[in-house]
Amino acid sequence: MLLEHLKATWKPHPVFHWTNQQAREHVATCFLAYPFLNYLRNTTRLSQRQIAKAPDATQLPEVKEDQTEKLLYMRSKVSEDQQTIARPLKLVVPRDLTTQSIINQIFNLKAASGKK
C-alpha cells in the first residue's frame, strides 16, 4: 500500500546503485523521507509537489570581498513555500548577505570555523 501510494503521487524513475549497501541506504532514506514528507504536508498544507520543488530554488553563492578578501554568502530570494516549510522546522533563514561566522552559527559548523 505504501509503495502504491508513492508511485501514484510521485513519478518513479530508475535509480541505479553499484553495491548492496548503497541499495539498502537508498531504501532506508526513502522510508525516513516518507513520514517527514507527510509531516510537512500536514503542518504546512502544501502539496507534495510544492514541498519537493521548494529546495530547488535555494542558493547561497560564496562571494569574496575585494578589499578584505572576506568571504560572504549572498542568499537568493526566499519563496513563500520555502518560508512555509522553514517555519514548522524552526529553520533560520540567513540574511541577504551573510558572513562565514554567521553561516557556521546557523548550521552549527564547528569544524569549518576551526573549533573542535
PDB file of N, CA and C in Angstrom:
ATOM      1  N   MET A   1       0.821  -1.195   0.000  1.00  0.00           N
ATOM      2  CA  MET A   1       0.000   0.000   0.000  1.00  0.00           C
ATOM      3  C   MET A   1       0.867   1.261   0.000  1.00  0.00           C
ATOM      4  N   LEU A   2       1.895   1.280   0.825  1.00  0.00           N
ATOM      5  CA  LEU A   2       2.781   2.438   0.888  1.00  0.00           C
ATOM      6  C   LEU A   2       3.434   2.688  -0.464  1.00  0.00           C
ATOM      7  N   LEU A   3       3.972   1.635  -1.078  1.00  0.00           N
ATOM      8  CA  LEU A   3       4.631   1.794  -2.371  1.00  0.00           C
ATOM      9  C   LEU A   3       3.643   2.207  -3.449  1.00  0.00           C
ATOM     10  N   GLU A   4       2.424   1.682  -3.403  1.00  0.00           N
ATOM     11  CA  GLU A   4       1.411   2.072  -4.374  1.00  0.00           C
ATOM     12  C   GLU A   4       1.077   3.555  -4.244  1.00  0.00           C
ATOM     13  N   HIS A   5       0.989   4.026  -2.994  1.00  0.00           N
ATOM     14  CA  HIS A   5       0.706   5.433  -2.755  1.00  0.00           C
ATOM     15  C   HIS A   5       1.845   6.298  -3.282  1.00  0.00           C
ATOM     16  N   LEU A   6       3.079   5.896  -3.017  1.00  0.00           N
ATOM     17  CA  LEU A   6       4.225   6.663  -3.504  1.00  0.00           C
ATOM     18  C   LEU A   6       4.250   6.708  -5.031  1.00  0.00           C
ATOM     19  N   LYS A   7       3.993   5.581  -5.671  1.00  0.00           N
ATOM     20  CA  LYS A   7       4.001   5.528  -7.131  1.00  0.00           C
ATOM     21  C   LYS A   7       2.878   6.379  -7.718  1.00  0.00           C
ATOM     22  N   ALA A   8       1.748   6.454  -7.015  1.00  0.00           N
ATOM     23  CA  ALA A   8       0.621   7.225  -7.521  1.00  0.00           C
ATOM     24  C   ALA A   8       0.881   8.727  -7.413  1.00  0.00           C
ATOM     25  N   THR A   9       1.603   9.154  -6.394  1.00  0.00           N
ATOM     26  CA  THR A   9       1.801  10.590  -6.179  1.00  0.00           C
ATOM     27  C   THR A   9       3.109  11.104  -6.773  1.00  0.00           C
ATOM     28  N   TRP A  10       4.096  10.251  -6.914  1.00  0.00           N
ATOM     29  CA  TRP A  10       5.389  10.652  -7.479  1.00  0.00           C
ATOM     30  C   TRP A  10       5.624   9.842  -8.743  1.00  0.00           C
ATOM     31  N   LYS A  11       6.342  10.408  -9.652  1.00  0.00           N
ATOM     32  CA  LYS A  11       6.696   9.674 -10.858  1.00  0.00           C
ATOM     33  C   LYS A  11       8.029   8.984 -10.614  1.00  0.00           C
ATOM     34  N   PRO A  12       8.005   7.690 -10.317  1.00  0.00           N
ATOM     35  CA  PRO A  12       9.270   6.997 -10.028  1.00  0.00           C
ATOM     36  C   PRO A  12      10.135   6.881 -11.272  1.00  0.00           C
ATOM     37  N   HIS A  13      11.414   6.871 -11.060  1.00  0.00           N
ATOM     38  CA  HIS A  13      12.365   6.670 -12.146  1.00  0.00           C
ATOM     39  C   HIS A  13      13.441   5.718 -11.639  1.00  0.00           C
ATOM     40  N   PRO A  14      14.110   5.033 -12.539  1.00  0.00           N
ATOM     41  CA  PRO A  14      15.111   4.069 -12.076  1.00  0.00           C
ATOM     42  C   PRO A  14      16.276   4.752 -11.368  1.00  0.00           C
ATOM     43  N   VAL A  15      16.689   4.157 -10.269  1.00  0.00           N
ATOM     44  CA  VAL A  15      17.858   4.616  -9.530  1.00  0.00           C
ATOM     45  C   VAL A  15      18.827   3.441  -9.498  1.00  0.00           C
ATOM     46  N   PHE A  16      20.028   3.666  -9.981  1.00  0.00           N
ATOM     47  CA  PHE A  16      20.995   2.583 -10.072  1.00  0.00           C
ATOM     48  C   PHE A  16      22.015   2.679  -8.946  1.00  0.00           C
ATOM     49  N   HIS A  17      22.235   1.579  -8.245  1.00  0.00           N
ATOM     50  CA  HIS A  17      23.221   1.519  -7.174  1.00  0.00           C
ATOM     51  C   HIS A  17      24.221   0.427  -7.520  1.00  0.00           C
ATOM     52  N   TRP A  18      25.461   0.680  -7.191  1.00  0.00           N
ATOM     53  CA  TRP A  18      26.518  -0.250  -7.570  1.00  0.00           C
ATOM     54  C   TRP A  18      26.775  -1.314  -6.516  1.00  0.00           C
ATOM     55  N   THR A  19      26.353  -1.068  -5.288  1.00  0.00           N
ATOM     56  CA  THR A  19      26.581  -2.065  -4.238  1.00  0.00           C
ATOM     57  C   THR A  19      25.282  -2.317  -3.479  1.00  0.00           C
ATOM     58  N   ASN A  20      25.213  -3.450  -2.796  1.00  0.00           N
ATOM     59  CA  ASN A  20      24.047  -3.754  -1.968  1.00  0.00           C
ATOM     60  C   ASN A  20      23.894  -2.730  -0.853  1.00  0.00           C
ATOM     61  N   GLN A  21      25.017  -2.270  -0.304  1.00  0.00           N
ATOM     62  CA  GLN A  21      24.978  -1.274   0.774  1.00  0.00           C
ATOM     63  C   GLN A  21      24.305   0.015   0.284  1.00  0.00           C
ATOM     64  N   GLN A  22      24.638   0.451  -0.919  1.00  0.00           N
ATOM     65  CA  GLN A  22      24.019   1.656  -1.472  1.00  0.00           C
ATOM     66  C   GLN A  22      22.509   1.459  -1.651  1.00  0.00           C
ATOM     67  N   ALA A  23      22.114   0.282  -2.084  1.00  0.00           N
ATOM     68  CA  ALA A  23      20.683  -0.008  -2.253  1.00  0.00           C
ATOM     69  C   ALA A  23      19.962   0.026  -0.911  1.00  0.00           C
ATOM     70  N   ARG A  24      20.567  -0.569   0.120  1.00  0.00           N
ATOM     71  CA  ARG A  24      19.952  -0.556   1.465  1.00  0.00           C
ATOM     72  C   ARG A  24      19.852   0.882   1.985  1.00  0.00           C
ATOM     73  N   GLU A  25      20.888   1.682   1.773  1.00  0.00           N
ATOM     74  CA  GLU A  25      20.860   3.077   2.220  1.00  0.00           C
ATOM     75  C   GLU A  25      19.768   3.858   1.502  1.00  0.00           C
ATOM     76  N   HIS A  26      19.581   3.588   0.227  1.00  0.00           N
ATOM     77  CA  HIS A  26      18.541   4.269  -0.539  1.00  0.00           C
ATOM     78  C   HIS A  26      17.149   3.917   0.004  1.00  0.00           C
ATOM     79  N   VAL A  27      16.902   2.655   0.256  1.00  0.00           N
ATOM     80  CA  VAL A  27      15.604   2.224   0.799  1.00  0.00           C
ATOM     81  C   VAL A  27      15.377   2.843   2.181  1.00  0.00           C
ATOM     82  N   ALA A  28      16.407   2.844   3.024  1.00  0.00           N
ATOM     83  CA  ALA A  28      16.278   3.442   4.364  1.00  0.00           C
ATOM     84  C   ALA A  28      15.966   4.934   4.265  1.00  0.00           C
ATOM     85  N   THR A  29      16.627   5.627   3.357  1.00  0.00           N
ATOM     86  CA  THR A  29      16.377   7.059   3.175  1.00  0.00           C
ATOM     87  C   THR A  29      14.940   7.310   2.715  1.00  0.00           C
ATOM     88  N   CYS A  30      14.454   6.480   1.810  1.00  0.00           N
ATOM     89  CA  CYS A  30      13.077   6.629   1.333  1.00  0.00           C
ATOM     90  C   CYS A  30      12.072   6.427   2.461  1.00  0.00           C
ATOM     91  N   PHE A  31      12.301   5.435   3.307  1.00  0.00           N
ATOM     92  CA  PHE A  31      11.372   5.177   4.404  1.00  0.00           C
ATOM     93  C   PHE A  31      11.440   6.256   5.481  1.00  0.00           C
ATOM     94  N   LEU A  32      12.564   6.935   5.607  1.00  0.00           N
ATOM     95  CA  LEU A  32      12.643   8.076   6.519  1.00  0.00           C
ATOM     96  C   LEU A  32      12.012   9.316   5.897  1.00  0.00           C
ATOM     97  N   ALA A  33      12.162   9.470   4.590  1.00  0.00           N
ATOM     98  CA  ALA A  33      11.639  10.649   3.907  1.00  0.00           C
ATOM     99  C   ALA A  33      10.117  10.667   3.864  1.00  0.00           C
ATOM    100  N   TYR A  34       9.492   9.504   3.755  1.00  0.00           N
ATOM    101  CA  TYR A  34       8.039   9.451   3.611  1.00  0.00           C
ATOM    102  C   TYR A  34       7.296  10.042   4.823  1.00  0.00           C
ATOM    103  N   PRO A  35       7.602   9.634   6.070  1.00  0.00           N
ATOM    104  CA  PRO A  35       6.894  10.270   7.197  1.00  0.00           C
ATOM    105  C   PRO A  35       7.260  11.755   7.350  1.00  0.00           C
ATOM    106  N   PHE A  36       8.492  12.113   6.979  1.00  0.00           N
ATOM    107  CA  PHE A  36       8.898  13.516   7.041  1.00  0.00           C
ATOM    108  C   PHE A  36       8.077  14.332   6.040  1.00  0.00           C
ATOM    109  N   LEU A  37       7.890  13.807   4.845  1.00  0.00           N
ATOM    110  CA  LEU A  37       7.071  14.471   3.840  1.00  0.00           C
ATOM    111  C   LEU A  37       5.632  14.628   4.339  1.00  0.00           C
ATOM    112  N   ASN A  38       5.084  13.582   4.940  1.00  0.00           N
ATOM    113  CA  ASN A  38       3.715  13.680   5.468  1.00  0.00           C
ATOM    114  C   ASN A  38       3.622  14.697   6.596  1.00  0.00           C
ATOM    115  N   TYR A  39       4.652  14.770   7.432  1.00  0.00           N
ATOM    116  CA  TYR A  39       4.677  15.784   8.497  1.00  0.00           C
ATOM    117  C   TYR A  39       4.612  17.174   7.874  1.00  0.00           C
ATOM    118  N   LEU A  40       5.435  17.412   6.852  1.00  0.00           N
ATOM    119  CA  LEU A  40       5.422  18.722   6.205  1.00  0.00           C
ATOM    120  C   LEU A  40       4.086  19.002   5.522  1.00  0.00           C
ATOM    121  N   ARG A  41       3.508  18.000   4.887  1.00  0.00           N
ATOM    122  CA  ARG A  41       2.200  18.185   4.243  1.00  0.00           C
ATOM    123  C   ARG A  41       1.149  18.578   5.270  1.00  0.00           C
ATOM    124  N   ASN A  42       1.152  17.912   6.427  1.00  0.00           N
ATOM    125  CA  ASN A  42       0.136  18.173   7.451  1.00  0.00           C
ATOM    126  C   ASN A  42       0.349  19.514   8.148  1.00  0.00           C
ATOM    127  N   THR A  43       1.589  19.922   8.351  1.00  0.00           N
ATOM    128  CA  THR A  43       1.836  21.169   9.082  1.00  0.00           C
ATOM    129  C   THR A  43       1.822  22.396   8.185  1.00  0.00           C
ATOM    130  N   THR A  44       2.152  22.235   6.906  1.00  0.00           N
ATOM    131  CA  THR A  44       2.229  23.391   6.010  1.00  0.00           C
ATOM    132  C   THR A  44       1.027  23.514   5.079  1.00  0.00           C
ATOM    133  N   ARG A  45       0.310  22.412   4.881  1.00  0.00           N
ATOM    134  CA  ARG A  45      -0.814  22.341   3.944  1.00  0.00           C
ATOM    135  C   ARG A  45      -0.360  22.583   2.503  1.00  0.00           C
ATOM    136  N   LEU A  46       0.927  22.362   2.231  1.00  0.00           N
ATOM    137  CA  LEU A  46       1.435  22.423   0.860  1.00  0.00           C
ATOM    138  C   LEU A  46       1.309  21.046   0.227  1.00  0.00           C
ATOM    139  N   SER A  47       1.289  21.011  -1.090  1.00  0.00           N
ATOM    140  CA  SER A  47       1.229  19.721  -1.782  1.00  0.00           C
ATOM    141  C   SER A  47       2.610  19.074  -1.779  1.00  0.00           C
ATOM    142  N   GLN A  48       2.638  17.786  -2.086  1.00  0.00           N
ATOM    143  CA  GLN A  48       3.924  17.090  -2.168  1.00  0.00           C
ATOM    144  C   GLN A  48       4.802  17.727  -3.229  1.00  0.00           C
ATOM    145  N   ARG A  49       4.219  18.123  -4.334  1.00  0.00           N
ATOM    146  CA  ARG A  49       4.979  18.744  -5.420  1.00  0.00           C
ATOM    147  C   ARG A  49       5.602  20.067  -4.955  1.00  0.00           C
ATOM    148  N   GLN A  50       4.836  20.899  -4.225  1.00  0.00           N
ATOM    149  CA  GLN A  50       5.361  22.170  -3.723  1.00  0.00           C
ATOM    150  C   GLN A  50       6.522  21.934  -2.760  1.00  0.00           C
ATOM    151  N   ILE A  51       6.378  20.947  -1.887  1.00  0.00           N
ATOM    152  CA  ILE A  51       7.428  20.639  -0.917  1.00  0.00           C
ATOM    153  C   ILE A  51       8.677  20.147  -1.634  1.00  0.00           C
ATOM    154  N   ALA A  52       8.496  19.314  -2.642  1.00  0.00           N
ATOM    155  CA  ALA A  52       9.642  18.765  -3.370  1.00  0.00           C
ATOM    156  C   ALA A  52      10.369  19.830  -4.180  1.00  0.00           C
ATOM    157  N   LYS A  53       9.641  20.795  -4.712  1.00  0.00           N
ATOM    158  CA  LYS A  53      10.257  21.818  -5.557  1.00  0.00           C
ATOM    159  C   LYS A  53      10.852  22.981  -4.772  1.00  0.00           C
ATOM    160  N   ALA A  54      10.424  23.194  -3.539  1.00  0.00           N
ATOM    161  CA  ALA A  54      10.881  24.351  -2.762  1.00  0.00           C
ATOM    162  C   ALA A  54      12.405  24.439  -2.629  1.00  0.00           C
ATOM    163  N   PRO A  55      13.116  23.355  -2.310  1.00  0.00           N
ATOM    164  CA  PRO A  55      14.566  23.481  -2.165  1.00  0.00           C
ATOM    165  C   PRO A  55      15.310  23.762  -3.473  1.00  0.00           C
ATOM    166  N   ASP A  56      14.687  23.496  -4.616  1.00  0.00           N
ATOM    167  CA  ASP A  56      15.357  23.677  -5.903  1.00  0.00           C
ATOM    168  C   ASP A  56      15.825  25.113  -6.135  1.00  0.00           C
ATOM    169  N   ALA A  57      15.070  26.081  -5.649  1.00  0.00           N
ATOM    170  CA  ALA A  57      15.405  27.486  -5.891  1.00  0.00           C
ATOM    171  C   ALA A  57      16.382  28.051  -4.865  1.00  0.00           C
ATOM    172  N   THR A  58      16.739  27.274  -3.870  1.00  0.00           N
ATOM    173  CA  THR A  58      17.606  27.763  -2.806  1.00  0.00           C
ATOM    174  C   THR A  58      19.055  27.871  -3.286  1.00  0.00           C
ATOM    175  N   GLN A  59      19.634  29.039  -3.122  1.00  0.00           N
ATOM    176  CA  GLN A  59      21.028  29.249  -3.490  1.00  0.00           C
ATOM    177  C   GLN A  59      21.694  30.112  -2.437  1.00  0.00           C
ATOM    178  N   LEU A  60      22.956  29.825  -2.185  1.00  0.00           N
ATOM    179  CA  LEU A  60      23.742  30.610  -1.239  1.00  0.00           C
ATOM    180  C   LEU A  60      25.173  30.712  -1.787  1.00  0.00           C
ATOM    181  N   PRO A  61      25.351  31.462  -2.898  1.00  0.00           N
ATOM    182  CA  PRO A  61      26.679  31.533  -3.511  1.00  0.00           C
ATOM    183  C   PRO A  61      27.680  32.283  -2.633  1.00  0.00           C
ATOM    184  N   GLU A  62      28.925  31.857  -2.739  1.00  0.00           N
ATOM    185  CA  GLU A  62      30.028  32.453  -1.983  1.00  0.00           C
ATOM    186  C   GLU A  62      30.596  33.619  -2.796  1.00  0.00           C
ATOM    187  N   VAL A  63      30.813  34.762  -2.132  1.00  0.00           N
ATOM    188  CA  VAL A  63      31.361  35.957  -2.764  1.00  0.00           C
ATOM    189  C   VAL A  63      32.537  36.423  -1.919  1.00  0.00           C
ATOM    190  N   LYS A  64      33.648  36.789  -2.572  1.00  0.00           N
ATOM    191  CA  LYS A  64      34.809  37.287  -1.841  1.00  0.00           C
ATOM    192  C   LYS A  64      34.876  38.799  -1.992  1.00  0.00           C
ATOM    193  N   GLU A  65      34.921  39.491  -0.852  1.00  0.00           N
ATOM    194  CA  GLU A  65      35.005  40.939  -0.847  1.00  0.00           C
ATOM    195  C   GLU A  65      36.385  41.372  -1.351  1.00  0.00           C
ATOM    196  N   ASP A  66      36.434  42.372  -2.224  1.00  0.00           N
ATOM    197  CA  ASP A  66      37.695  42.788  -2.850  1.00  0.00           C
ATOM    198  C   ASP A  66      38.730  43.316  -1.858  1.00  0.00           C
ATOM    199  N   GLN A  67      38.343  44.270  -1.006  1.00  0.00           N
ATOM    200  CA  GLN A  67      39.310  44.915  -0.119  1.00  0.00           C
ATOM    201  C   GLN A  67      39.831  43.986   0.980  1.00  0.00           C
ATOM    202  N   THR A  68      38.926  43.296   1.637  1.00  0.00           N
ATOM    203  CA  THR A  68      39.325  42.500   2.804  1.00  0.00           C
ATOM    204  C   THR A  68      39.493  41.016   2.498  1.00  0.00           C
ATOM    205  N   GLU A  69      39.052  40.602   1.319  1.00  0.00           N
ATOM    206  CA  GLU A  69      39.072  39.178   0.935  1.00  0.00           C
ATOM    207  C   GLU A  69      38.226  38.322   1.888  1.00  0.00           C
ATOM    208  N   LYS A  70      37.306  38.979   2.564  1.00  0.00           N
ATOM    209  CA  LYS A  70      36.395  38.296   3.475  1.00  0.00           C
ATOM    210  C   LYS A  70      35.345  37.537   2.672  1.00  0.00           C
ATOM    211  N   LEU A  71      35.036  36.305   3.091  1.00  0.00           N
ATOM    212  CA  LEU A  71      34.010  35.515   2.407  1.00  0.00           C
ATOM    213  C   LEU A  71      32.628  35.910   2.894  1.00  0.00           C
ATOM    214  N   LEU A  72      31.740  36.173   1.936  1.00  0.00           N
ATOM    215  CA  LEU A  72      30.351  36.494   2.229  1.00  0.00           C
ATOM    216  C   LEU A  72      29.469  35.547   1.425  1.00  0.00           C
ATOM    217  N   TYR A  73      28.256  35.364   1.891  1.00  0.00           N
ATOM    218  CA  TYR A  73      27.306  34.492   1.205  1.00  0.00           C
ATOM    219  C   TYR A  73      26.059  35.310   0.898  1.00  0.00           C
ATOM    220  N   MET A  74      25.641  35.288  -0.368  1.00  0.00           N
ATOM    221  CA  MET A  74      24.507  36.063  -0.817  1.00  0.00           C
ATOM    222  C   MET A  74      23.330  35.122  -1.060  1.00  0.00           C
ATOM    223  N   ARG A  75      22.319  35.232  -0.219  1.00  0.00           N
ATOM    224  CA  ARG A  75      21.162  34.346  -0.295  1.00  0.00           C
ATOM    225  C   ARG A  75      20.240  34.759  -1.425  1.00  0.00           C
ATOM    226  N   SER A  76      19.688  33.749  -2.105  1.00  0.00           N
ATOM    227  CA  SER A  76      18.676  34.015  -3.128  1.00  0.00           C
ATOM    228  C   SER A  76      17.353  34.363  -2.447  1.00  0.00           C
ATOM    229  N   LYS A  77      16.413  34.869  -3.221  1.00  0.00           N
ATOM    230  CA  LYS A  77      15.099  35.224  -2.689  1.00  0.00           C
ATOM    231  C   LYS A  77      14.439  33.980  -2.100  1.00  0.00           C
ATOM    232  N   VAL A  78      13.810  34.142  -0.947  1.00  0.00           N
ATOM    233  CA  VAL A  78      13.114  33.034  -0.284  1.00  0.00           C
ATOM    234  C   VAL A  78      11.641  33.089  -0.691  1.00  0.00           C
ATOM    235  N   SER A  79      11.170  32.014  -1.283  1.00  0.00           N
ATOM    236  CA  SER A  79       9.777  31.970  -1.752  1.00  0.00           C
ATOM    237  C   SER A  79       8.823  31.766  -0.574  1.00  0.00           C
ATOM    238  N   GLU A  80       7.538  31.983  -0.839  1.00  0.00           N
ATOM    239  CA  GLU A  80       6.525  31.752   0.199  1.00  0.00           C
ATOM    240  C   GLU A  80       6.527  30.297   0.646  1.00  0.00           C
ATOM    241  N   ASP A  81       6.656  29.372  -0.302  1.00  0.00           N
ATOM    242  CA  ASP A  81       6.683  27.952   0.044  1.00  0.00           C
ATOM    243  C   ASP A  81       7.882  27.629   0.928  1.00  0.00           C
ATOM    244  N   GLN A  82       9.044  28.201   0.633  1.00  0.00           N
ATOM    245  CA  GLN A  82      10.227  27.958   1.449  1.00  0.00           C
ATOM    246  C   GLN A  82      10.029  28.495   2.867  1.00  0.00           C
ATOM    247  N   GLN A  83       9.426  29.674   2.982  1.00  0.00           N
ATOM    248  CA  GLN A  83       9.146  30.230   4.312  1.00  0.00           C
ATOM    249  C   GLN A  83       8.148  29.361   5.061  1.00  0.00           C
ATOM    250  N   THR A  84       7.145  28.863   4.357  1.00  0.00           N
ATOM    251  CA  THR A  84       6.129  28.000   4.962  1.00  0.00           C
ATOM    252  C   THR A  84       6.753  26.711   5.490  1.00  0.00           C
ATOM    253  N   ILE A  85       7.725  26.175   4.772  1.00  0.00           N
ATOM    254  CA  ILE A  85       8.404  24.951   5.200  1.00  0.00           C
ATOM    255  C   ILE A  85       9.369  25.230   6.349  1.00  0.00           C
ATOM    256  N   ALA A  86      10.051  26.353   6.307  1.00  0.00           N
ATOM    257  CA  ALA A  86      11.037  26.684   7.340  1.00  0.00           C
ATOM    258  C   ALA A  86      10.389  26.905   8.709  1.00  0.00           C
ATOM    259  N   ARG A  87       9.190  27.473   8.720  1.00  0.00           N
ATOM    260  CA  ARG A  87       8.526  27.817   9.980  1.00  0.00           C
ATOM    261  C   ARG A  87       8.332  26.625  10.922  1.00  0.00           C
ATOM    262  N   PRO A  88       7.650  25.534  10.534  1.00  0.00           N
ATOM    263  CA  PRO A  88       7.444  24.427  11.487  1.00  0.00           C
ATOM    264  C   PRO A  88       8.734  23.679  11.827  1.00  0.00           C
ATOM    265  N   LEU A  89       9.732  23.770  10.938  1.00  0.00           N
ATOM    266  CA  LEU A  89      11.015  23.101  11.205  1.00  0.00           C
ATOM    267  C   LEU A  89      11.945  23.972  12.036  1.00  0.00           C
ATOM    268  N   LYS A  90      11.506  25.201  12.315  1.00  0.00           N
ATOM    269  CA  LYS A  90      12.285  26.165  13.095  1.00  0.00           C
ATOM    270  C   LYS A  90      13.661  26.408  12.467  1.00  0.00           C
ATOM    271  N   LEU A  91      13.664  26.499  11.133  1.00  0.00           N
ATOM    272  CA  LEU A  91      14.905  26.771  10.406  1.00  0.00           C
ATOM    273  C   LEU A  91      15.163  28.261  10.378  1.00  0.00           C
ATOM    274  N   VAL A  92      16.414  28.653  10.543  1.00  0.00           N
ATOM    275  CA  VAL A  92      16.804  30.047  10.473  1.00  0.00           C
ATOM    276  C   VAL A  92      17.180  30.348   9.029  1.00  0.00           C
ATOM    277  N   VAL A  93      16.514  31.336   8.459  1.00  0.00           N
ATOM    278  CA  VAL A  93      16.832  31.744   7.092  1.00  0.00           C
ATOM    279  C   VAL A  93      17.927  32.814   7.177  1.00  0.00           C
ATOM    280  N   PRO A  94      19.069  32.593   6.524  1.00  0.00           N
ATOM    281  CA  PRO A  94      20.147  33.591   6.580  1.00  0.00           C
ATOM    282  C   PRO A  94      19.698  34.925   5.982  1.00  0.00           C
ATOM    283  N   ARG A  95      20.350  36.002   6.421  1.00  0.00           N
ATOM    284  CA  ARG A  95      20.075  37.324   5.855  1.00  0.00           C
ATOM    285  C   ARG A  95      20.509  37.340   4.389  1.00  0.00           C
ATOM    286  N   ASP A  96      20.176  38.422   3.681  1.00  0.00           N
ATOM    287  CA  ASP A  96      20.527  38.528   2.260  1.00  0.00           C
ATOM    288  C   ASP A  96      22.029  38.394   2.038  1.00  0.00           C
ATOM    289  N   LEU A  97      22.826  39.036   2.878  1.00  0.00           N
ATOM    290  CA  LEU A  97      24.273  38.955   2.798  1.00  0.00           C
ATOM    291  C   LEU A  97      24.790  38.526   4.170  1.00  0.00           C
ATOM    292  N   THR A  98      25.477  37.409   4.218  1.00  0.00           N
ATOM    293  CA  THR A  98      25.837  36.784   5.490  1.00  0.00           C
ATOM    294  C   THR A  98      27.318  36.420   5.499  1.00  0.00           C
ATOM    295  N   THR A  99      27.958  36.560   6.666  1.00  0.00           N
ATOM    296  CA  THR A  99      29.370  36.209   6.803  1.00  0.00           C
ATOM    297  C   THR A  99      29.525  34.719   7.099  1.00  0.00           C
ATOM    298  N   GLN A 100      30.746  34.231   6.935  1.00  0.00           N
ATOM    299  CA  GLN A 100      31.044  32.823   7.208  1.00  0.00           C
ATOM    300  C   GLN A 100      30.730  32.470   8.661  1.00  0.00           C
ATOM    301  N   SER A 101      31.042  33.361   9.603  1.00  0.00           N
ATOM    302  CA  SER A 101      30.800  33.052  11.018  1.00  0.00           C
ATOM    303  C   SER A 101      29.308  32.884  11.316  1.00  0.00           C
ATOM    304  N   ILE A 102      28.464  33.683  10.674  1.00  0.00           N
ATOM    305  CA  ILE A 102      27.013  33.545  10.867  1.00  0.00           C
ATOM    306  C   ILE A 102      26.525  32.237  10.256  1.00  0.00           C
ATOM    307  N   ILE A 103      27.042  31.888   9.079  1.00  0.00           N
ATOM    308  CA  ILE A 103      26.672  30.608   8.450  1.00  0.00           C
ATOM    309  C   ILE A 103      27.064  29.460   9.375  1.00  0.00           C
ATOM    310  N   ASN A 104      28.252  29.539   9.974  1.00  0.00           N
ATOM    311  CA  ASN A 104      28.696  28.500  10.909  1.00  0.00           C
ATOM    312  C   ASN A 104      27.744  28.391  12.093  1.00  0.00           C
ATOM    313  N   GLN A 105      27.275  29.533  12.612  1.00  0.00           N
ATOM    314  CA  GLN A 105      26.341  29.505  13.737  1.00  0.00           C
ATOM    315  C   GLN A 105      25.001  28.893  13.327  1.00  0.00           C
ATOM    316  N   ILE A 106      24.511  29.283  12.156  1.00  0.00           N
ATOM    317  CA  ILE A 106      23.217  28.783  11.687  1.00  0.00           C
ATOM    318  C   ILE A 106      23.249  27.275  11.516  1.00  0.00           C
ATOM    319  N   PHE A 107      24.323  26.785  10.879  1.00  0.00           N
ATOM    320  CA  PHE A 107      24.418  25.360  10.595  1.00  0.00           C
ATOM    321  C   PHE A 107      25.251  24.610  11.623  1.00  0.00           C
ATOM    322  N   ASN A 108      25.683  25.315  12.677  1.00  0.00           N
ATOM    323  CA  ASN A 108      26.453  24.710  13.757  1.00  0.00           C
ATOM    324  C   ASN A 108      27.696  23.993  13.228  1.00  0.00           C
ATOM    325  N   LEU A 109      28.457  24.695  12.410  1.00  0.00           N
ATOM    326  CA  LEU A 109      29.639  24.120  11.779  1.00  0.00           C
ATOM    327  C   LEU A 109      30.894  24.440  12.587  1.00  0.00           C
ATOM    328  N   LYS A 110      31.173  23.650  13.580  1.00  0.00           N
ATOM    329  CA  LYS A 110      32.346  23.890  14.421  1.00  0.00           C
ATOM    330  C   LYS A 110      33.631  23.626  13.660  1.00  0.00           C
ATOM    331  N   ALA A 111      33.660  22.579  12.849  1.00  0.00           N
ATOM    332  CA  ALA A 111      34.880  22.222  12.130  1.00  0.00           C
ATOM    333  C   ALA A 111      35.257  23.308  11.134  1.00  0.00           C
ATOM    334  N   ALA A 112      34.261  23.904  10.472  1.00  0.00           N
ATOM    335  CA  ALA A 112      34.549  24.925   9.466  1.00  0.00           C
ATOM    336  C   ALA A 112      35.098  26.200  10.091  1.00  0.00           C
ATOM    337  N   SER A 113      34.763  26.456  11.354  1.00  0.00           N
ATOM    338  CA  SER A 113      35.250  27.672  11.990  1.00  0.00           C
ATOM    339  C   SER A 113      36.540  27.452  12.751  1.00  0.00           C
ATOM    340  N   GLY A 114      37.108  26.236  12.686  1.00  0.00           N
ATOM    341  CA  GLY A 114      38.376  25.959  13.345  1.00  0.00           C
ATOM    342  C   GLY A 114      38.236  25.495  14.790  1.00  0.00           C
ATOM    343  N   LYS A 115      37.023  25.429  15.321  1.00  0.00           N
ATOM    344  CA  LYS A 115      36.809  24.973  16.695  1.00  0.00           C
ATOM    345  C   LYS A 115      36.675  23.458  16.720  1.00  0.00           C
ATOM    346  N   LYS A 116      37.093  22.856  17.812  1.00  0.00           N
ATOM    347  CA  LYS A 116      36.948  21.399  17.937  1.00  0.00           C
ATOM    348  C   LYS A 116      36.284  21.043  19.231  1.00  0.00           C
TER     349      LYS A 116
END
